[in-house]
């Protein structure tokens, strides 16, 4: 039995497909299959039922997978412990970011962080909140840039900043004539939303009137996107409006900013945090990330007092 064979087991269990598992491990499928067969011969049990599609673990295999996960996690913790004892920041750090943040926040700090810590190999993955929380729990990620609070006792949340929301409205829409918008002005039949699974969608629905019915979203045209940029274009080429966070608004041209309307206070706002599992050993890297991000935040976000805004909860995670 080798650590590599155990990693192959976890990969097959994750993807439920030998080809995808092999690609994720950067080996050929015959190599991965041969190593798993050797391990099954050594254990004298079948770990996976190959007759099923997708491939499923056997009852004995599930127990082996659980223990393999523990062994691999402890091996990584041992490596982290050795690296943590050194003065310099080096090794590998895996960071996950939600899509509605990655486009805007990564360009703010990424190059400065890489320049300051050249020996640190930073691996970044874009995923939805629920997926990131799962990866943190399984030690597949070291930290995540997420919207909080998540109300998960197994995670630590370091609040970085509070980001207000704005309405981006079509020029001919009646709301474009107003200087400020109230939450009960919003109509789900006229709003362009992100698709299900995005926490930003959940927050926007929470901003809307409590009497609104999600079945009414979209009116005659029901279109949902995974990208805020697409929603902005739908407003410009069609009608209606969408909700944008501050960092997205800050990148708009002067002409497009004329279509932005502020909310009446308390302004609906999202809380952005650096999130990691309580068992993580890479807090020095997390400290460095936090410091770098905070130094490069726009002044408008630095000046926000959480007492002056209304943090919109995530309720559908």
Protein backbone atom coordinates (compact mmCIF):
# COMPACT_ATOMS: atom_id res chain seq x y z
CA UNK A 1 0.00 0.00 0.00
CA UNK A 2 1.29 3.47 -0.91
CA UNK A 3 0.06 7.02 -0.38
CA UNK A 4 -0.23 7.36 -4.16
CA UNK A 5 -2.63 4.41 -4.31
CA UNK A 6 -4.73 5.98 -1.56
CA UNK A 7 -4.83 9.25 -3.53
CA UNK A 8 -6.08 7.30 -6.55
CA UNK A 9 -8.85 5.81 -4.42
CA UNK A 10 -9.98 9.27 -3.30
CA UNK A 11 -9.88 10.57 -6.87
CA UNK A 12 -12.06 7.73 -8.18
CA UNK A 13 -14.47 8.23 -5.30
CA UNK A 14 -14.69 11.95 -6.05
CA UNK A 15 -15.24 11.71 -9.81
CA UNK A 16 -16.91 8.24 -9.92
CA UNK A 17 -15.10 7.79 -13.23
CA UNK A 18 -11.68 6.22 -13.87
CA UNK A 19 -10.82 8.48 -16.80
CA UNK A 20 -11.61 11.71 -14.95
CA UNK A 21 -9.84 10.46 -11.84
CA UNK A 22 -6.72 9.60 -13.85
CA UNK A 23 -6.65 13.05 -15.46
CA UNK A 24 -6.97 14.73 -12.08
CA UNK A 25 -3.97 12.70 -10.86
CA UNK A 26 -1.97 13.40 -14.06
CA UNK A 27 -1.57 9.71 -14.91
CA UNK A 28 -2.99 7.48 -17.62
CA UNK A 29 -6.15 5.53 -16.95
CA UNK A 30 -4.39 2.12 -17.31
CA UNK A 31 -1.82 3.21 -14.71
CA UNK A 32 -4.48 4.27 -12.23
CA UNK A 33 -6.57 1.13 -12.84
CA UNK A 34 -3.54 -1.12 -12.42
CA UNK A 35 -2.56 0.49 -9.10
CA UNK A 36 -6.09 0.20 -7.75
CA UNK A 37 -6.25 -3.44 -8.80
CA UNK A 38 -2.98 -4.11 -6.96
CA UNK A 39 -4.39 -2.50 -3.83
CA UNK A 40 -7.62 -4.48 -4.05
CA UNK A 41 -5.59 -7.68 -4.47
CA UNK A 42 -3.52 -6.74 -1.42
CA UNK A 43 -6.64 -6.04 0.68
CA UNK A 44 -8.55 -8.99 -0.73
CA UNK A 45 -11.69 -6.89 -1.28
CA UNK A 46 -13.22 -4.90 -4.12
CA UNK A 47 -13.14 -1.18 -3.32
CA UNK A 48 -15.36 -0.12 -6.24
CA UNK A 49 -18.25 -1.77 -8.03
CA UNK A 50 -17.22 -1.37 -11.68
CA UNK A 51 -20.54 -2.70 -12.97
CA UNK A 52 -22.33 0.46 -11.82
CA UNK A 53 -22.47 3.69 -13.81
CA UNK A 54 -21.31 5.95 -12.32
CA UNK A 55 -18.81 3.79 -10.43
CA UNK A 56 -19.76 3.33 -6.77
CA UNK A 57 -17.76 2.13 -3.76
CA UNK A 58 -18.66 -1.19 -2.21
CA UNK A 59 -19.63 -1.34 1.45
CA UNK A 60 -16.07 -2.46 2.29
CA UNK A 61 -14.74 0.20 -0.05
CA UNK A 62 -16.58 2.98 1.79
CA UNK A 63 -14.74 2.12 5.00
CA UNK A 64 -11.41 1.97 3.18
CA UNK A 65 -12.12 5.36 1.53
CA UNK A 66 -12.92 6.94 4.90
CA UNK A 67 -9.64 5.71 6.36
CA UNK A 68 -7.69 6.71 3.22
CA UNK A 69 -9.05 10.23 3.61
CA UNK A 70 -7.78 10.34 7.20
CA UNK A 71 -4.31 9.07 6.20
CA UNK A 72 -3.92 11.56 3.33
CA UNK A 73 -5.14 14.43 5.50
CA UNK A 74 -2.64 13.59 8.23
CA UNK A 75 0.17 13.30 5.69
CA UNK A 76 -0.64 16.81 4.46
CA UNK A 77 -0.80 18.08 8.03
CA UNK A 78 2.67 16.64 8.69
CA UNK A 79 4.06 18.46 5.65
CA UNK A 80 2.29 21.64 6.73
CA UNK A 81 3.73 21.30 10.23
CA UNK A 82 7.27 21.08 8.85
CA UNK A 83 6.72 24.04 6.53
CA UNK A 84 5.06 26.06 9.29
CA UNK A 85 8.23 25.81 11.42
CA UNK A 86 10.27 27.63 8.77
CA UNK A 87 10.60 31.40 8.66
CA UNK A 88 9.70 31.94 5.01
CA UNK A 89 6.29 31.34 3.45
CA UNK A 90 6.71 28.52 0.97
CA UNK A 91 5.03 25.37 -0.26
CA UNK A 92 1.49 25.14 -1.62
CA UNK A 93 -1.62 27.07 -0.62
CA UNK A 94 -5.02 26.32 -2.14
CA UNK A 95 -7.52 29.18 -2.23
CA UNK A 96 -11.12 28.98 -3.45
CA UNK A 97 -13.14 32.05 -4.46
CA UNK A 98 -16.82 32.46 -5.34
CA UNK A 99 -17.49 33.73 -8.91
CA UNK A 100 -19.13 37.02 -7.85
CA UNK A 101 -15.93 37.93 -5.99
CA UNK A 102 -13.12 36.44 -8.07
CA UNK A 103 -13.49 38.75 -11.09
CA UNK A 104 -13.18 41.84 -8.93
CA UNK A 105 -11.07 40.98 -5.88
CA UNK A 106 -8.28 38.84 -7.35
CA UNK A 107 -6.85 41.64 -9.55
CA UNK A 108 -6.67 43.87 -6.46
CA UNK A 109 -4.16 41.81 -4.52
CA UNK A 110 -2.94 38.77 -6.47
CA UNK A 111 0.16 40.19 -8.16
CA UNK A 112 1.29 42.00 -5.01
CA UNK A 113 0.92 38.81 -2.98
CA UNK A 114 2.86 36.68 -5.49
CA UNK A 115 5.63 39.29 -5.71
CA UNK A 116 6.00 39.45 -1.93
CA UNK A 117 5.97 35.66 -1.42
CA UNK A 118 7.67 34.15 -4.51
CA UNK A 119 8.32 30.78 -2.84
CA UNK A 120 4.63 30.18 -2.18
CA UNK A 121 2.76 28.21 -4.82
CA UNK A 122 -0.75 29.68 -4.82
CA UNK A 123 -3.46 27.50 -6.41
CA UNK A 124 -6.77 29.28 -6.98
CA UNK A 125 -10.10 27.68 -7.85
CA UNK A 126 -13.41 29.37 -8.58
CA UNK A 127 -16.43 27.55 -7.13
CA UNK A 128 -19.81 28.15 -5.57
CA UNK A 129 -20.15 28.64 -1.83
CA UNK A 130 -21.60 25.22 -1.05
CA UNK A 131 -18.82 23.51 -3.01
CA UNK A 132 -16.11 25.53 -1.26
CA UNK A 133 -17.49 24.72 2.19
CA UNK A 134 -17.37 21.04 1.23
CA UNK A 135 -13.77 21.34 -0.01
CA UNK A 136 -12.72 23.06 3.21
CA UNK A 137 -14.31 20.25 5.20
CA UNK A 138 -12.49 17.61 3.12
CA UNK A 139 -9.16 19.50 3.29
CA UNK A 140 -9.18 19.97 -0.48
CA UNK A 141 -8.81 23.73 0.01
CA UNK A 142 -6.86 25.67 2.64
CA UNK A 143 -9.07 28.76 2.63
CA UNK A 144 -11.88 30.46 0.76
CA UNK A 145 -12.93 34.01 -0.05
CA UNK A 146 -16.64 33.84 0.70
CA UNK A 147 -19.69 35.82 1.65
CA UNK A 148 -20.54 35.30 5.31
CA UNK A 149 -21.85 34.57 7.87
CA UNK A 150 -22.06 30.87 7.06
CA UNK A 151 -23.17 29.80 10.55
CA UNK A 152 -20.83 26.80 10.49
CA UNK A 153 -19.05 26.05 13.77
CA UNK A 154 -16.34 24.04 12.00
CA UNK A 155 -15.11 27.13 10.13
CA UNK A 156 -13.35 30.34 11.14
CA UNK A 157 -14.43 33.56 9.39
CA UNK A 158 -12.13 36.58 9.24
CA UNK A 159 -14.25 39.50 8.05
CA UNK A 160 -12.33 41.52 5.45
CA UNK A 161 -14.84 44.16 4.37
CA UNK A 162 -18.48 45.07 3.86
CA UNK A 163 -19.60 45.60 0.27
CA UNK A 164 -22.78 47.62 -0.46
CA UNK A 165 -25.24 46.70 -3.20
CA UNK A 166 -26.52 49.02 -5.93
CA UNK A 167 -29.23 48.83 -8.56
CA UNK A 168 -28.12 48.84 -12.20
CA UNK A 169 -31.20 49.95 -14.13
CA UNK A 170 -32.11 50.27 -17.82
CA UNK A 171 -32.21 53.93 -18.97
CA UNK A 172 -35.90 53.88 -19.89
CA UNK A 173 -37.07 52.12 -16.72
CA UNK A 174 -39.20 54.20 -14.27
CA UNK A 175 -36.72 53.49 -11.43
CA UNK A 176 -34.03 55.27 -13.45
CA UNK A 177 -35.81 58.53 -12.64
CA UNK A 178 -35.30 58.05 -8.91
CA UNK A 179 -32.20 59.13 -6.99
CA UNK A 180 -32.43 56.31 -4.44
CA UNK A 181 -34.25 52.99 -4.32
CA UNK A 182 -36.12 51.24 -1.55
CA UNK A 183 -36.06 47.47 -1.27
CA UNK A 184 -39.83 47.18 -1.74
CA UNK A 185 -39.51 48.98 -5.09
CA UNK A 186 -38.03 45.83 -6.62
CA UNK A 187 -40.21 43.51 -8.69
CA UNK A 188 -38.97 39.98 -9.40
CA UNK A 189 -40.67 40.11 -12.82
CA UNK A 190 -38.23 42.83 -13.88
CA UNK A 191 -35.02 41.70 -12.24
CA UNK A 192 -32.16 39.77 -13.88
CA UNK A 193 -30.73 37.17 -11.51
CA UNK A 194 -27.79 34.83 -11.26
CA UNK A 195 -28.65 31.14 -11.57
CA UNK A 196 -29.46 28.90 -8.64
CA UNK A 197 -26.53 27.90 -6.46
CA UNK A 198 -25.02 31.39 -6.35
CA UNK A 199 -25.24 32.93 -2.89
CA UNK A 200 -25.52 36.38 -4.52
CA UNK A 201 -28.84 35.28 -6.06
CA UNK A 202 -30.06 34.25 -2.62
CA UNK A 203 -29.09 37.64 -1.20
CA UNK A 204 -30.83 39.54 -3.99
CA UNK A 205 -34.02 37.55 -3.40
CA UNK A 206 -33.76 38.43 0.29
CA UNK A 207 -33.48 42.12 -0.61
CA UNK A 208 -36.74 41.96 -2.56
CA UNK A 209 -40.09 42.32 -0.90
CA UNK A 210 -41.00 39.53 1.52
CA UNK A 211 -44.25 39.09 -0.37
CA UNK A 212 -42.43 38.36 -3.65
CA UNK A 213 -42.76 34.87 -5.09
CA UNK A 214 -39.61 33.40 -6.66
CA UNK A 215 -41.82 31.71 -9.30
CA UNK A 216 -42.43 35.19 -10.70
CA UNK A 217 -38.75 35.76 -11.53
CA UNK A 218 -38.15 36.98 -15.07
CA UNK A 219 -41.70 37.69 -16.22
CA UNK A 220 -42.09 36.81 -19.91
CA UNK A 221 -38.35 36.14 -20.30
CA UNK A 222 -36.82 33.72 -17.83
CA UNK A 223 -33.06 34.01 -18.17
CA UNK A 224 -30.52 33.34 -15.44
CA UNK A 225 -26.75 33.60 -15.72
CA UNK A 226 -23.71 32.62 -13.68
CA UNK A 227 -22.00 35.88 -14.57
CA UNK A 228 -22.71 39.42 -13.37
CA UNK A 229 -21.25 40.86 -16.57
CA UNK A 230 -23.89 39.02 -18.59
CA UNK A 231 -26.65 40.40 -16.39
CA UNK A 232 -25.37 43.95 -16.95
CA UNK A 233 -25.52 43.39 -20.70
CA UNK A 234 -29.07 42.04 -20.45
CA UNK A 235 -30.13 45.25 -18.70
CA UNK A 236 -28.46 47.36 -21.39
CA UNK A 237 -29.90 45.46 -24.36
CA UNK A 238 -33.32 44.57 -22.95
CA UNK A 239 -34.91 46.24 -19.96
CA UNK A 240 -35.37 45.91 -16.22
CA UNK A 241 -32.52 45.96 -13.74
CA UNK A 242 -30.07 43.89 -11.75
CA UNK A 243 -28.23 44.24 -8.44
CA UNK A 244 -24.46 44.74 -8.40
CA UNK A 245 -21.89 44.76 -5.55
CA UNK A 246 -19.60 47.75 -5.03
CA UNK A 247 -16.49 46.23 -6.65
CA UNK A 248 -18.45 45.53 -9.83
CA UNK A 249 -19.77 49.08 -9.88
CA UNK A 250 -16.29 50.57 -9.38
CA UNK A 251 -15.20 49.05 -12.71
CA UNK A 252 -18.01 50.65 -14.72
CA UNK A 253 -17.33 53.46 -17.19
CA UNK A 254 -18.57 56.97 -16.34
CA UNK A 255 -21.43 56.51 -18.82
CA UNK A 256 -22.56 53.20 -17.26
CA UNK A 257 -22.36 54.64 -13.76
CA UNK A 258 -25.20 56.96 -14.70
CA UNK A 259 -27.40 53.85 -14.58
CA UNK A 260 -26.47 53.10 -10.96
CA UNK A 261 -28.95 53.89 -8.20
CA UNK A 262 -28.16 53.70 -4.49
CA UNK A 263 -30.45 52.13 -1.91
CA UNK A 264 -31.96 54.12 0.92
CA UNK A 265 -30.15 53.42 4.21
CA UNK A 266 -29.63 51.03 5.80
CA UNK A 267 -28.03 49.94 2.55
CA UNK A 268 -28.21 46.18 1.79
CA UNK A 269 -24.64 44.91 1.99
CA UNK A 270 -22.67 41.67 1.87
CA UNK A 271 -20.00 40.64 4.34
CA UNK A 272 -16.84 39.25 2.70
CA UNK A 273 -14.53 37.03 4.72
CA UNK A 274 -11.47 34.82 4.52
CA UNK A 275 -12.76 31.44 5.67
CA UNK A 276 -10.85 28.33 6.75
CA UNK A 277 -11.27 25.16 8.81
CA UNK A 278 -10.42 25.23 12.50
CA UNK A 279 -7.81 22.49 12.03
CA UNK A 280 -5.75 24.36 9.41
CA UNK A 281 -2.02 24.82 10.11
CA UNK A 282 -1.36 27.50 7.49
CA UNK A 283 -2.44 30.50 9.53
CA UNK A 284 0.75 32.40 8.67
CA UNK A 285 -0.21 32.30 5.00
CA UNK A 286 -3.76 33.30 5.91
CA UNK A 287 -2.37 36.21 7.94
CA UNK A 288 -0.32 37.31 4.91
CA UNK A 289 -3.33 37.01 2.60
CA UNK A 290 -5.51 39.04 4.93
CA UNK A 291 -2.86 41.77 5.27
CA UNK A 292 -2.32 42.00 1.50
CA UNK A 293 -6.04 42.17 0.69
CA UNK A 294 -6.78 44.81 3.34
CA UNK A 295 -3.93 47.02 2.12
CA UNK A 296 -5.38 47.07 -1.41
CA UNK A 297 -9.04 47.62 -0.73
CA UNK A 298 -10.64 50.73 -2.26
CA UNK A 299 -10.92 53.51 0.32
CA UNK A 300 -14.69 53.55 -0.07
CA UNK A 301 -14.87 50.02 1.34
CA UNK A 302 -12.36 50.71 4.12
CA UNK A 303 -14.55 53.55 5.37
CA UNK A 304 -17.76 51.52 5.72
CA UNK A 305 -19.00 51.09 9.28
CA UNK A 306 -20.99 47.83 9.63
CA UNK A 307 -23.39 49.67 11.94
CA UNK A 308 -24.49 51.85 9.02
CA UNK A 309 -25.44 49.01 6.68
CA UNK A 310 -27.71 45.97 6.66
CA UNK A 311 -25.87 42.70 6.06
CA UNK A 312 -27.99 40.47 3.85
CA UNK A 313 -28.05 36.89 5.08
CA UNK A 314 -27.51 33.76 3.00
CA UNK A 315 -30.43 31.46 3.69
CA UNK A 316 -30.26 28.72 1.04
CA UNK A 317 -26.80 27.21 1.55
